[in-house]
Amino acid sequence: MPYLNIVTNQTVDDELTLLKAASKTVSLSSGKPESYVMVAVEAKATMLMGGSDAPTAILDYRALGLPADRKAFSDALCSLMTEQLGIAGDRIYISMTDSERQNWGWNHGTF
């Protein structure tokens, strides 16, 4: 049920490594089982932040319930982007959405 979509203007040489690292980070930082985590990446997007095309990313996180310590969660995701793609924390936005169970479909139904 946790979903993380990573959009960046950077080239990602090894998308599978990034996806696996992101999946593990989301699981550990959110306390949700990795078996429910979904991660997607969109690389080489045409993006500007602050009028600059320097390395940047936006992360869209959606789940049934958000981590209690959102600052630590943000830190974990920013650290992931810095380690994996070399993007500085001040060039990353993270949107966190707490979804309602009836609005989250899975396995022919909803949660």
C-alpha atoms as a PDB file:
ATOM      1  CA  MET A   1       0.000   0.000   0.000  1.00  0.00           C
ATOM      2  CA  PRO A   2       2.875   2.475   0.375  1.00  0.00           C
ATOM      3  CA  TYR A   3       3.681   3.939  -3.029  1.00  0.00           C
ATOM      4  CA  LEU A   4       6.684   6.116  -3.839  1.00  0.00           C
ATOM      5  CA  ASN A   5       7.022   7.784  -7.232  1.00  0.00           C
ATOM      6  CA  ILE A   6      10.405   9.365  -7.922  1.00  0.00           C
ATOM      7  CA  VAL A   7      10.626  11.941 -10.707  1.00  0.00           C
ATOM      8  CA  THR A   8      14.040  13.412 -11.464  1.00  0.00           C
ATOM      9  CA  ASN A   9      15.842  15.288 -14.188  1.00  0.00           C
ATOM     10  CA  GLN A  10      18.846  13.013 -13.694  1.00  0.00           C
ATOM     11  CA  THR A  11      19.854   9.988 -15.737  1.00  0.00           C
ATOM     12  CA  VAL A  12      19.563   6.829 -13.655  1.00  0.00           C
ATOM     13  CA  ASP A  13      22.219   4.357 -14.773  1.00  0.00           C
ATOM     14  CA  ASP A  14      20.882   1.431 -12.735  1.00  0.00           C
ATOM     15  CA  GLU A  15      17.152   1.840 -12.159  1.00  0.00           C
ATOM     16  CA  LEU A  16      16.785  -1.571 -10.527  1.00  0.00           C
ATOM     17  CA  THR A  17      19.356  -0.712  -7.844  1.00  0.00           C
ATOM     18  CA  LEU A  18      17.581   2.582  -7.148  1.00  0.00           C
ATOM     19  CA  LEU A  19      14.171   0.885  -6.996  1.00  0.00           C
ATOM     20  CA  LYS A  20      15.404  -1.801  -4.595  1.00  0.00           C
ATOM     21  CA  ALA A  21      17.102   0.761  -2.342  1.00  0.00           C
ATOM     22  CA  ALA A  22      13.985   2.952  -2.359  1.00  0.00           C
ATOM     23  CA  SER A  23      11.710  -0.005  -1.564  1.00  0.00           C
ATOM     24  CA  LYS A  24      13.845  -0.993   1.405  1.00  0.00           C
ATOM     25  CA  THR A  25      14.102   2.620   2.625  1.00  0.00           C
ATOM     26  CA  VAL A  26      10.325   3.107   2.456  1.00  0.00           C
ATOM     27  CA  SER A  27       9.708  -0.146   4.298  1.00  0.00           C
ATOM     28  CA  LEU A  28      12.203   0.532   7.069  1.00  0.00           C
ATOM     29  CA  SER A  29      11.321   4.206   7.480  1.00  0.00           C
ATOM     30  CA  SER A  30       7.549   3.775   7.359  1.00  0.00           C
ATOM     31  CA  GLY A  31       7.307   0.567   9.346  1.00  0.00           C
ATOM     32  CA  LYS A  32       5.298  -1.041   6.530  1.00  0.00           C
ATOM     33  CA  PRO A  33       6.104  -4.523   5.167  1.00  0.00           C
ATOM     34  CA  GLU A  34       8.200  -4.358   2.014  1.00  0.00           C
ATOM     35  CA  SER A  35       5.849  -6.903   0.433  1.00  0.00           C
ATOM     36  CA  TYR A  36       3.287  -4.068   0.112  1.00  0.00           C
ATOM     37  CA  VAL A  37       5.687  -1.327  -1.071  1.00  0.00           C
ATOM     38  CA  MET A  38       5.524  -0.139  -4.688  1.00  0.00           C
ATOM     39  CA  VAL A  39       8.172   2.174  -6.148  1.00  0.00           C
ATOM     40  CA  ALA A  40       8.384   3.806  -9.571  1.00  0.00           C
ATOM     41  CA  VAL A  41      10.998   6.067 -11.130  1.00  0.00           C
ATOM     42  CA  GLU A  42      10.783   8.547 -13.988  1.00  0.00           C
ATOM     43  CA  ALA A  43      14.270   9.631 -15.000  1.00  0.00           C
ATOM     44  CA  LYS A  44      15.417  12.371 -17.364  1.00  0.00           C
ATOM     45  CA  ALA A  45      12.254  14.419 -16.836  1.00  0.00           C
ATOM     46  CA  THR A  46      12.353  17.984 -18.052  1.00  0.00           C
ATOM     47  CA  MET A  47      12.344  19.861 -14.740  1.00  0.00           C
ATOM     48  CA  LEU A  48      13.393  23.144 -13.183  1.00  0.00           C
ATOM     49  CA  MET A  49      13.544  24.044  -9.512  1.00  0.00           C
ATOM     50  CA  GLY A  50      14.135  27.642  -8.556  1.00  0.00           C
ATOM     51  CA  GLY A  51      14.655  28.443 -12.231  1.00  0.00           C
ATOM     52  CA  SER A  52      17.608  26.048 -12.440  1.00  0.00           C
ATOM     53  CA  ASP A  53      17.995  22.719 -14.224  1.00  0.00           C
ATOM     54  CA  ALA A  54      20.572  21.542 -11.646  1.00  0.00           C
ATOM     55  CA  PRO A  55      19.925  18.007 -10.320  1.00  0.00           C
ATOM     56  CA  THR A  56      16.481  17.898  -8.707  1.00  0.00           C
ATOM     57  CA  ALA A  57      13.704  15.469  -7.799  1.00  0.00           C
ATOM     58  CA  ILE A  58      10.143  15.343  -6.562  1.00  0.00           C
ATOM     59  CA  LEU A  59       9.020  12.336  -4.563  1.00  0.00           C
ATOM     60  CA  ASP A  60       5.327  11.521  -4.251  1.00  0.00           C
ATOM     61  CA  TYR A  61       4.602   9.222  -1.290  1.00  0.00           C
ATOM     62  CA  ARG A  62       1.119   7.833  -0.692  1.00  0.00           C
ATOM     63  CA  ALA A  63       0.040   5.324   1.925  1.00  0.00           C
ATOM     64  CA  LEU A  64      -2.629   4.309   4.394  1.00  0.00           C
ATOM     65  CA  GLY A  65      -1.235   6.333   7.271  1.00  0.00           C
ATOM     66  CA  LEU A  66       1.934   8.400   7.277  1.00  0.00           C
ATOM     67  CA  PRO A  67       4.987   7.785   9.442  1.00  0.00           C
ATOM     68  CA  ALA A  68       4.664   9.403  12.878  1.00  0.00           C
ATOM     69  CA  ASP A  69       8.068  11.065  12.494  1.00  0.00           C
ATOM     70  CA  ARG A  70       7.729  12.730   9.103  1.00  0.00           C
ATOM     71  CA  LYS A  71      10.952  14.685   9.565  1.00  0.00           C
ATOM     72  CA  ALA A  72      12.933  11.427   9.952  1.00  0.00           C
ATOM     73  CA  PHE A  73      11.063   9.980   6.964  1.00  0.00           C
ATOM     74  CA  SER A  74      11.931  13.030   4.874  1.00  0.00           C
ATOM     75  CA  ASP A  75      15.550  12.720   5.995  1.00  0.00           C
ATOM     76  CA  ALA A  76      15.659   9.056   4.958  1.00  0.00           C
ATOM     77  CA  LEU A  77      14.233   9.792   1.499  1.00  0.00           C
ATOM     78  CA  CYS A  78      16.491  12.817   0.929  1.00  0.00           C
ATOM     79  CA  SER A  79      19.517  10.759   2.014  1.00  0.00           C
ATOM     80  CA  LEU A  80      18.485   8.049  -0.449  1.00  0.00           C
ATOM     81  CA  MET A  81      18.358  10.576  -3.307  1.00  0.00           C
ATOM     82  CA  THR A  82      21.709  12.059  -2.322  1.00  0.00           C
ATOM     83  CA  GLU A  83      23.365   8.637  -2.072  1.00  0.00           C
ATOM     84  CA  GLN A  84      21.824   7.174  -5.220  1.00  0.00           C
ATOM     85  CA  LEU A  85      21.659  10.196  -7.537  1.00  0.00           C
ATOM     86  CA  GLY A  86      23.831  12.902  -5.989  1.00  0.00           C
ATOM     87  CA  ILE A  87      20.896  15.285  -5.506  1.00  0.00           C
ATOM     88  CA  ALA A  88      21.259  17.724  -2.608  1.00  0.00           C
ATOM     89  CA  GLY A  89      18.457  17.820  -0.032  1.00  0.00           C
ATOM     90  CA  ASP A  90      17.606  21.433  -0.846  1.00  0.00           C
ATOM     91  CA  ARG A  91      16.812  20.344  -4.418  1.00  0.00           C
ATOM     92  CA  ILE A  92      14.234  17.708  -3.383  1.00  0.00           C
ATOM     93  CA  TYR A  93      10.536  18.111  -2.661  1.00  0.00           C
ATOM     94  CA  ILE A  94       8.558  15.312  -1.017  1.00  0.00           C
ATOM     95  CA  SER A  95       4.770  15.181  -1.107  1.00  0.00           C
ATOM     96  CA  MET A  96       3.213  12.878   1.518  1.00  0.00           C
ATOM     97  CA  THR A  97      -0.426  11.858   1.186  1.00  0.00           C
ATOM     98  CA  ASP A  98      -2.392   9.868   3.762  1.00  0.00           C
ATOM     99  CA  SER A  99      -4.948   7.947   1.704  1.00  0.00           C
ATOM    100  CA  GLU A 100      -8.284   6.746   3.014  1.00  0.00           C
ATOM    101  CA  ARG A 101      -8.751   2.953   2.963  1.00  0.00           C
ATOM    102  CA  GLN A 102     -11.859   3.066   0.802  1.00  0.00           C
ATOM    103  CA  ASN A 103      -9.912   5.061  -1.824  1.00  0.00           C
ATOM    104  CA  TRP A 104      -7.078   2.530  -2.133  1.00  0.00           C
ATOM    105  CA  GLY A 105      -7.792  -0.413  -4.433  1.00  0.00           C
ATOM    106  CA  TRP A 106      -6.008  -3.762  -4.339  1.00  0.00           C
ATOM    107  CA  ASN A 107      -6.700  -7.324  -5.419  1.00  0.00           C
ATOM    108  CA  HIS A 108     -10.148  -6.593  -6.922  1.00  0.00           C
ATOM    109  CA  GLY A 109     -11.277  -4.621  -3.875  1.00  0.00           C
ATOM    110  CA  THR A 110     -10.236  -1.911  -1.465  1.00  0.00           C
ATOM    111  CA  PHE A 111      -8.513  -1.856   1.892  1.00  0.00           C
END
